[in-house]
Amino acid sequence: MDEYSHLTYRSLHLNDHTLDENIPALTSESSRRSFPLPISSLDALDRLPPELLEQILLYLDIRALINFQYINRRSADLVNHLPTYKVIVTHARNALRGILCIQTGKWITCSMLLEKLRTSSCDKCGDFGGYLYLLTCKRVCFLCLSQEKEYLPLGLSHAYRKFGLERAEVQKLPCLRVIPGTYSPNEKKANETVLVDYEAALNCALAHHGSLDAMHTYVTNQLAKRQEDYEKRLMQVQQVEGSRHIRKPPTGDPHDGRWGNPFRFVAIVSVPWLDRSSLDTIEWGFHCLGCARSSRPPFHKRRKFVRSSFHDHIRECDNIENGMHLNLKAMRKKGYKVICINYIMAVFLS
């Protein structure tokens, strides 16, 4: 890192208002939970070899594991001494607490969580991912979580309409319960509600309808039917009751707003990368000085890097002089010339 220290910086000094800032604070009572001494052992579990017992516990989803932890002191000791659990609590406590708060623990295991902590790259684009999407335990970078549709969880009624699914189908999918608070860099309020994972809903719809085309046809037909029913009711009300208001059915997706959308941040926590090649050394990533004034890929200031990926970035985008990539300087000069030529031509032709 020393050879790049003059070309990088650690933080943008921005508050993205993720789930990290909205997790309820631990009370003194909950942080010092005491357990009664067990009257007896854990029966058959205590007769198992320790290695096998560890594998069984790690196979449990996080919600089930925490429930087991709270049985008594013996069960608490077993969970607290699991190496995987200890690493998570030490380096990603907010990820664990966030999973429990938004109630996504039934879809995630400690093994899954640790594997993501030991993975540096964003599951979508391959850049360094400084966040976890706690609905499906995916490593993600800021640009993907704020722009890609699979990181925007949907309200239940929206999922029914968008994918043409039955309520019973949607209610079986990975979902979260929003912790009320302020989310996104734009500081938008989010109220308590239930949201479902976009990708899981889409996959369910493909299995239900058979193909993307069949799904779109069904959804379009249902939308037309709702619109027709609305117009019939509206006509009846106007004839009988005059000015009574009839609510118009939704016809499309709600406005996204990208990184101004609070729902994109309700399942997001910041996490480090645990580099297993160096005994789980912690790395939070860093930003490129040459991209600090740009908001367009591949020079976007929001991109983060680790040593290996920054080396590739320099090869792709050229060296840095006076706080800017040489390629970016050339592109800006070229863009300025194009703007001037276009302006002159417009004046000449007018």
Protein backbone atom coordinates (compact mmCIF):
# COMPACT_ATOMS: atom_id res chain seq x y z
CA MET A 1 0.00 0.00 0.00
CA ASP A 2 2.95 2.36 0.69
CA GLU A 3 3.70 2.81 -3.01
CA TYR A 4 0.12 4.00 -3.57
CA SER A 5 -0.46 5.99 -0.37
CA HIS A 6 0.07 9.36 -2.13
CA LEU A 7 -2.52 8.38 -4.76
CA THR A 8 -5.32 7.26 -2.44
CA TYR A 9 -7.45 8.34 0.49
CA ARG A 10 -9.49 6.35 2.97
CA SER A 11 -12.82 8.12 3.32
CA LEU A 12 -15.17 10.48 1.48
CA HIS A 13 -16.42 11.77 4.85
CA LEU A 14 -20.03 11.22 3.79
CA ASN A 15 -22.83 9.61 5.78
CA ASP A 16 -24.80 7.22 3.57
CA HIS A 17 -27.33 6.55 6.36
CA THR A 18 -27.37 2.79 6.00
CA LEU A 19 -28.82 0.25 8.41
CA ASP A 20 -25.65 0.75 10.51
CA GLU A 21 -27.02 4.09 11.74
CA ASN A 22 -30.51 2.74 12.40
CA ILE A 23 -29.88 -0.45 14.37
CA PRO A 24 -31.38 0.06 17.85
CA ALA A 25 -28.77 0.61 20.54
CA LEU A 26 -28.10 -2.26 22.90
CA THR A 27 -29.49 -1.74 26.38
CA SER A 28 -27.31 -2.59 29.35
CA GLU A 29 -29.64 -5.47 30.18
CA SER A 30 -29.52 -7.06 26.72
CA SER A 31 -25.77 -6.57 26.37
CA ARG A 32 -25.20 -8.38 29.67
CA ARG A 33 -27.74 -11.16 29.21
CA SER A 34 -27.36 -13.70 32.05
CA PHE A 35 -28.36 -17.32 31.87
CA PRO A 36 -29.36 -19.71 34.62
CA LEU A 37 -27.01 -22.57 35.24
CA PRO A 38 -28.21 -25.60 33.27
CA ILE A 39 -29.94 -28.19 35.44
CA SER A 40 -28.76 -30.88 33.04
CA SER A 41 -26.60 -31.20 29.95
CA LEU A 42 -27.81 -30.74 26.40
CA ASP A 43 -28.57 -34.46 26.37
CA ALA A 44 -27.63 -36.12 23.06
CA LEU A 45 -25.80 -33.04 21.78
CA ASP A 46 -23.27 -33.20 24.61
CA ARG A 47 -22.42 -36.77 23.65
CA LEU A 48 -21.37 -35.77 20.14
CA PRO A 49 -17.72 -35.12 19.20
CA PRO A 50 -16.97 -31.37 19.44
CA GLU A 51 -16.09 -31.15 15.73
CA LEU A 52 -19.42 -32.69 14.70
CA LEU A 53 -21.36 -30.48 17.12
CA GLU A 54 -19.66 -27.41 15.63
CA GLN A 55 -20.69 -28.44 12.11
CA ILE A 56 -24.28 -28.99 13.23
CA LEU A 57 -24.48 -25.54 14.82
CA LEU A 58 -22.96 -23.85 11.77
CA TYR A 59 -25.54 -25.58 9.59
CA LEU A 60 -28.31 -23.76 11.50
CA ASP A 61 -29.56 -20.47 10.12
CA ILE A 62 -28.60 -17.43 12.20
CA ARG A 63 -32.04 -17.01 13.76
CA ALA A 64 -32.09 -20.66 14.88
CA LEU A 65 -28.50 -20.41 16.14
CA ILE A 66 -29.30 -17.38 18.30
CA ASN A 67 -32.43 -19.09 19.64
CA PHE A 68 -30.25 -22.07 20.58
CA GLN A 69 -27.72 -19.72 22.19
CA TYR A 70 -30.38 -18.39 24.57
CA ILE A 71 -31.50 -21.78 25.91
CA ASN A 72 -29.10 -21.76 28.86
CA ARG A 73 -25.51 -21.10 29.81
CA ARG A 74 -24.21 -24.32 28.26
CA SER A 75 -25.76 -23.51 24.87
CA ALA A 76 -24.49 -19.93 25.11
CA ASP A 77 -20.95 -21.17 25.74
CA LEU A 78 -21.14 -23.51 22.77
CA VAL A 79 -22.20 -20.74 20.38
CA ASN A 80 -19.86 -18.11 21.80
CA HIS A 81 -16.86 -20.40 21.33
CA LEU A 82 -17.59 -21.28 17.71
CA PRO A 83 -14.57 -19.92 15.75
CA THR A 84 -16.80 -18.72 12.90
CA TYR A 85 -19.18 -16.94 15.27
CA LYS A 86 -16.28 -15.31 17.14
CA VAL A 87 -14.82 -13.88 13.92
CA ILE A 88 -18.22 -12.45 12.92
CA VAL A 89 -18.86 -10.87 16.32
CA THR A 90 -15.36 -9.40 16.37
CA HIS A 91 -15.27 -7.91 12.87
CA ALA A 92 -18.88 -7.63 11.67
CA ARG A 93 -21.09 -7.22 14.72
CA ASN A 94 -23.37 -4.78 12.91
CA ALA A 95 -23.97 -7.32 10.16
CA LEU A 96 -25.10 -9.89 12.73
CA ARG A 97 -27.23 -7.40 14.66
CA GLY A 98 -28.68 -6.03 11.43
CA ILE A 99 -29.70 -9.51 10.27
CA LEU A 100 -31.52 -10.10 13.55
CA CYS A 101 -33.16 -6.65 13.58
CA ILE A 102 -34.60 -6.85 10.05
CA GLN A 103 -35.45 -10.53 10.56
CA THR A 104 -33.54 -12.06 7.65
CA GLY A 105 -31.70 -14.60 9.80
CA LYS A 106 -33.76 -17.56 8.58
CA TRP A 107 -32.16 -17.24 5.11
CA ILE A 108 -28.53 -16.78 6.22
CA THR A 109 -26.06 -19.00 8.08
CA CYS A 110 -22.87 -18.00 9.90
CA SER A 111 -20.87 -19.91 7.29
CA MET A 112 -22.48 -17.88 4.49
CA LEU A 113 -21.79 -14.64 6.34
CA LEU A 114 -18.14 -15.48 7.03
CA GLU A 115 -17.61 -16.50 3.40
CA LYS A 116 -18.84 -13.07 2.28
CA LEU A 117 -16.59 -11.34 4.81
CA ARG A 118 -13.66 -13.23 3.28
CA THR A 119 -14.66 -12.18 -0.25
CA SER A 120 -13.52 -8.74 -1.40
CA SER A 121 -15.38 -8.25 -4.67
CA CYS A 122 -18.89 -6.99 -5.35
CA ASP A 123 -21.15 -9.87 -6.43
CA LYS A 124 -22.49 -7.74 -9.30
CA CYS A 125 -19.56 -5.87 -10.88
CA GLY A 126 -16.37 -7.27 -9.35
CA ASP A 127 -15.15 -4.00 -7.80
CA PHE A 128 -14.25 -3.94 -4.13
CA GLY A 129 -17.52 -4.22 -2.22
CA GLY A 130 -17.57 -2.37 1.07
CA TYR A 131 -21.12 -3.38 2.01
CA LEU A 132 -23.35 -6.38 2.63
CA TYR A 133 -26.93 -6.63 1.39
CA LEU A 134 -28.46 -8.44 4.36
CA LEU A 135 -31.58 -9.71 2.64
CA THR A 136 -29.63 -12.33 0.68
CA CYS A 137 -26.11 -11.88 2.13
CA LYS A 138 -24.44 -10.44 -0.97
CA ARG A 139 -21.25 -8.41 -1.04
CA VAL A 140 -21.91 -5.17 -2.94
CA CYS A 141 -20.28 -1.85 -3.84
CA PHE A 142 -21.94 1.55 -3.47
CA LEU A 143 -22.59 2.07 -7.19
CA CYS A 144 -24.36 -1.27 -7.56
CA LEU A 145 -26.43 -1.02 -4.38
CA SER A 146 -27.60 2.45 -5.40
CA GLN A 147 -28.35 1.68 -9.06
CA GLU A 148 -28.99 -2.01 -9.77
CA LYS A 149 -32.58 -3.23 -9.55
CA GLU A 150 -31.75 -6.41 -7.61
CA TYR A 151 -30.71 -4.29 -4.61
CA LEU A 152 -34.04 -2.47 -4.41
CA PRO A 153 -36.38 -4.65 -2.31
CA LEU A 154 -40.06 -4.32 -3.15
CA GLY A 155 -43.21 -3.80 -1.13
CA LEU A 156 -45.43 -6.88 -1.08
CA SER A 157 -48.26 -5.37 -3.13
CA HIS A 158 -45.74 -4.03 -5.65
CA ALA A 159 -44.23 -7.52 -6.03
CA TYR A 160 -47.70 -9.04 -6.61
CA ARG A 161 -48.40 -6.58 -9.41
CA LYS A 162 -44.97 -6.38 -11.00
CA PHE A 163 -44.45 -10.13 -11.32
CA GLY A 164 -48.02 -11.41 -11.47
CA LEU A 165 -47.69 -13.56 -8.36
CA GLU A 166 -50.13 -14.81 -5.76
CA ARG A 167 -49.85 -13.47 -2.22
CA ALA A 168 -49.05 -16.93 -0.87
CA GLU A 169 -46.09 -17.21 -3.26
CA VAL A 170 -44.62 -13.82 -2.34
CA GLN A 171 -44.97 -14.46 1.39
CA LYS A 172 -42.61 -17.45 1.11
CA LEU A 173 -39.79 -15.38 -0.41
CA PRO A 174 -36.85 -13.79 1.47
CA CYS A 175 -38.18 -10.61 3.05
CA LEU A 176 -37.19 -8.03 5.64
CA ARG A 177 -38.93 -5.81 8.16
CA VAL A 178 -37.76 -2.21 7.82
CA ILE A 179 -36.37 -0.58 10.96
CA PRO A 180 -37.92 2.94 10.95
CA GLY A 181 -35.33 5.67 10.51
CA THR A 182 -33.38 7.92 8.16
CA TYR A 183 -31.76 6.25 5.15
CA SER A 184 -29.72 7.14 2.03
CA PRO A 185 -27.29 10.04 1.48
CA ASN A 186 -30.38 12.19 0.82
CA GLU A 187 -31.62 11.47 4.37
CA LYS A 188 -35.05 10.08 3.49
CA LYS A 189 -37.41 8.65 6.10
CA ALA A 190 -38.48 5.01 5.92
CA ASN A 191 -41.36 3.67 7.98
CA GLU A 192 -41.79 0.14 9.26
CA THR A 193 -42.96 -2.15 6.48
CA VAL A 194 -42.17 -5.52 4.91
CA LEU A 195 -40.08 -5.70 1.73
CA VAL A 196 -39.31 -8.70 -0.46
CA ASP A 197 -36.12 -9.44 -2.39
CA TYR A 198 -36.37 -8.39 -6.05
CA GLU A 199 -34.33 -11.24 -7.51
CA ALA A 200 -36.15 -13.91 -5.50
CA ALA A 201 -39.51 -12.50 -6.65
CA LEU A 202 -38.36 -12.47 -10.29
CA ASN A 203 -37.12 -16.07 -10.11
CA CYS A 204 -40.39 -17.14 -8.51
CA ALA A 205 -42.30 -15.40 -11.32
CA LEU A 206 -40.24 -17.14 -14.00
CA ALA A 207 -40.98 -20.50 -12.40
CA HIS A 208 -44.67 -19.60 -12.08
CA HIS A 209 -45.21 -18.22 -15.60
CA GLY A 210 -42.66 -20.30 -17.47
CA SER A 211 -40.83 -17.44 -19.21
CA LEU A 212 -40.19 -13.71 -19.07
CA ASP A 213 -42.43 -13.10 -22.09
CA ALA A 214 -45.29 -15.04 -20.51
CA MET A 215 -44.89 -13.06 -17.29
CA HIS A 216 -44.97 -9.72 -19.14
CA THR A 217 -48.06 -10.79 -21.09
CA TYR A 218 -49.87 -11.82 -17.90
CA VAL A 219 -48.91 -8.63 -16.05
CA THR A 220 -49.98 -6.45 -19.00
CA ASN A 221 -53.34 -8.23 -19.24
CA GLN A 222 -53.92 -7.88 -15.49
CA LEU A 223 -53.08 -4.18 -15.65
CA ALA A 224 -55.56 -3.68 -18.50
CA LYS A 225 -58.23 -5.58 -16.55
CA ARG A 226 -57.70 -3.45 -13.42
CA GLN A 227 -57.88 -0.29 -15.51
CA GLU A 228 -61.11 -1.46 -17.15
CA ASP A 229 -62.65 -2.30 -13.76
CA TYR A 230 -61.61 1.10 -12.44
CA GLU A 231 -63.25 2.92 -15.34
CA LYS A 232 -66.49 0.94 -14.87
CA ARG A 233 -66.61 1.73 -11.14
CA LEU A 234 -65.81 5.37 -11.82
CA MET A 235 -68.67 5.64 -14.30
CA GLN A 236 -71.10 3.97 -11.88
CA VAL A 237 -70.12 6.25 -9.02
CA GLN A 238 -70.41 9.38 -11.14
CA GLN A 239 -73.91 8.38 -12.23
CA VAL A 240 -75.14 7.52 -8.74
CA GLU A 241 -73.15 9.44 -6.15
CA GLY A 242 -71.61 12.29 -8.08
CA SER A 243 -68.21 13.30 -6.73
CA ARG A 244 -67.16 10.26 -4.68
CA HIS A 245 -63.43 9.57 -5.19
CA ILE A 246 -62.36 6.22 -6.65
CA ARG A 247 -58.69 5.35 -6.26
CA LYS A 248 -56.93 4.75 -9.56
CA PRO A 249 -54.95 1.48 -9.72
CA PRO A 250 -51.14 1.77 -9.88
CA THR A 251 -49.88 1.53 -13.45
CA GLY A 252 -46.10 1.27 -13.03
CA ASP A 253 -43.15 1.14 -10.67
CA PRO A 254 -42.79 3.79 -7.95
CA HIS A 255 -40.10 6.41 -8.58
CA ASP A 256 -36.71 4.88 -7.76
CA GLY A 257 -34.50 7.88 -7.01
CA ARG A 258 -31.41 5.65 -7.07
CA TRP A 259 -29.20 6.63 -4.12
CA GLY A 260 -31.97 8.90 -2.88
CA ASN A 261 -34.24 5.89 -2.35
CA PRO A 262 -34.30 4.89 1.34
CA PHE A 263 -35.35 1.31 0.53
CA ARG A 264 -31.97 0.76 -1.15
CA PHE A 265 -30.26 1.26 2.22
CA VAL A 266 -32.55 -0.47 4.73
CA ALA A 267 -30.67 -3.79 4.40
CA ILE A 268 -27.15 -2.39 3.88
CA VAL A 269 -24.28 -2.44 6.38
CA SER A 270 -20.61 -1.54 5.96
CA VAL A 271 -18.24 -4.46 6.43
CA PRO A 272 -14.50 -5.00 6.08
CA TRP A 273 -12.82 -7.61 3.93
CA LEU A 274 -11.08 -10.32 5.93
CA ASP A 275 -8.07 -11.33 3.86
CA ARG A 276 -7.69 -15.04 4.58
CA SER A 277 -4.31 -15.12 2.81
CA SER A 278 -2.91 -13.02 5.66
CA LEU A 279 -4.81 -14.58 8.58
CA ASP A 280 -7.96 -12.47 8.23
CA THR A 281 -6.22 -9.10 8.09
CA ILE A 282 -8.91 -6.40 8.00
CA GLU A 283 -9.17 -4.20 4.91
CA TRP A 284 -11.84 -1.49 4.49
CA GLY A 285 -10.73 -0.38 1.04
CA PHE A 286 -9.72 3.07 -0.17
CA HIS A 287 -10.58 5.63 -2.86
CA CYS A 288 -8.53 6.84 -5.81
CA LEU A 289 -7.26 10.42 -5.70
CA GLY A 290 -7.37 10.58 -9.49
CA CYS A 291 -11.13 9.89 -9.46
CA ALA A 292 -11.99 12.27 -6.61
CA ARG A 293 -13.62 14.86 -8.88
CA SER A 294 -15.39 12.49 -11.26
CA SER A 295 -18.84 10.92 -11.16
CA ARG A 296 -18.57 8.74 -14.27
CA PRO A 297 -17.21 5.17 -14.43
CA PRO A 298 -14.52 4.00 -14.59
CA PHE A 299 -13.35 7.17 -12.81
CA HIS A 300 -16.22 7.40 -10.31
CA LYS A 301 -15.21 8.81 -6.93
CA ARG A 302 -17.43 6.27 -5.17
CA ARG A 303 -15.36 3.30 -6.37
CA LYS A 304 -13.23 1.62 -3.71
CA PHE A 305 -10.14 -0.50 -4.14
CA VAL A 306 -7.73 -2.82 -2.40
CA ARG A 307 -4.07 -3.11 -3.34
CA SER A 308 -4.51 -5.64 -6.15
CA SER A 309 -7.55 -3.98 -7.72
CA PHE A 310 -5.96 -0.52 -7.50
CA HIS A 311 -2.98 -1.79 -9.48
CA ASP A 312 -5.40 -2.92 -12.21
CA HIS A 313 -7.22 0.43 -12.00
CA ILE A 314 -4.00 2.36 -12.66
CA ARG A 315 -3.25 0.16 -15.67
CA GLU A 316 -6.77 0.74 -17.02
CA CYS A 317 -7.07 4.48 -16.35
CA ASP A 318 -3.41 5.59 -16.59
CA ASN A 319 -1.18 7.32 -14.07
CA ILE A 320 -2.22 10.25 -11.90
CA GLU A 321 -0.79 13.76 -12.23
CA ASN A 322 -1.94 16.77 -10.22
CA GLY A 323 -4.79 14.77 -8.70
CA MET A 324 -6.26 13.45 -11.97
CA HIS A 325 -5.82 10.45 -14.25
CA LEU A 326 -4.06 11.33 -17.51
CA ASN A 327 -6.80 9.51 -19.45
CA LEU A 328 -9.47 11.57 -17.68
CA LYS A 329 -7.65 14.80 -18.50
CA ALA A 330 -7.49 13.82 -22.16
CA MET A 331 -11.17 12.87 -22.21
CA ARG A 332 -12.19 16.18 -20.63
CA LYS A 333 -10.12 18.18 -23.12
CA LYS A 334 -11.63 16.20 -25.99
CA GLY A 335 -15.12 16.70 -24.58
CA TYR A 336 -14.54 20.44 -24.25
CA LYS A 337 -13.40 20.66 -27.88
CA VAL A 338 -16.47 18.74 -29.06
CA ILE A 339 -18.75 21.10 -27.11
CA CYS A 340 -17.03 24.14 -28.66
CA ILE A 341 -17.28 22.73 -32.20
CA ASN A 342 -20.96 21.87 -31.72
CA TYR A 343 -21.65 25.36 -30.37
CA ILE A 344 -19.89 27.05 -33.32
CA MET A 345 -21.77 24.86 -35.82
CA ALA A 346 -25.08 25.64 -34.14
CA VAL A 347 -24.39 29.39 -34.29
CA PHE A 348 -23.26 29.16 -37.92
CA LEU A 349 -26.36 27.20 -39.02
CA SER A 350 -28.86 29.35 -37.13
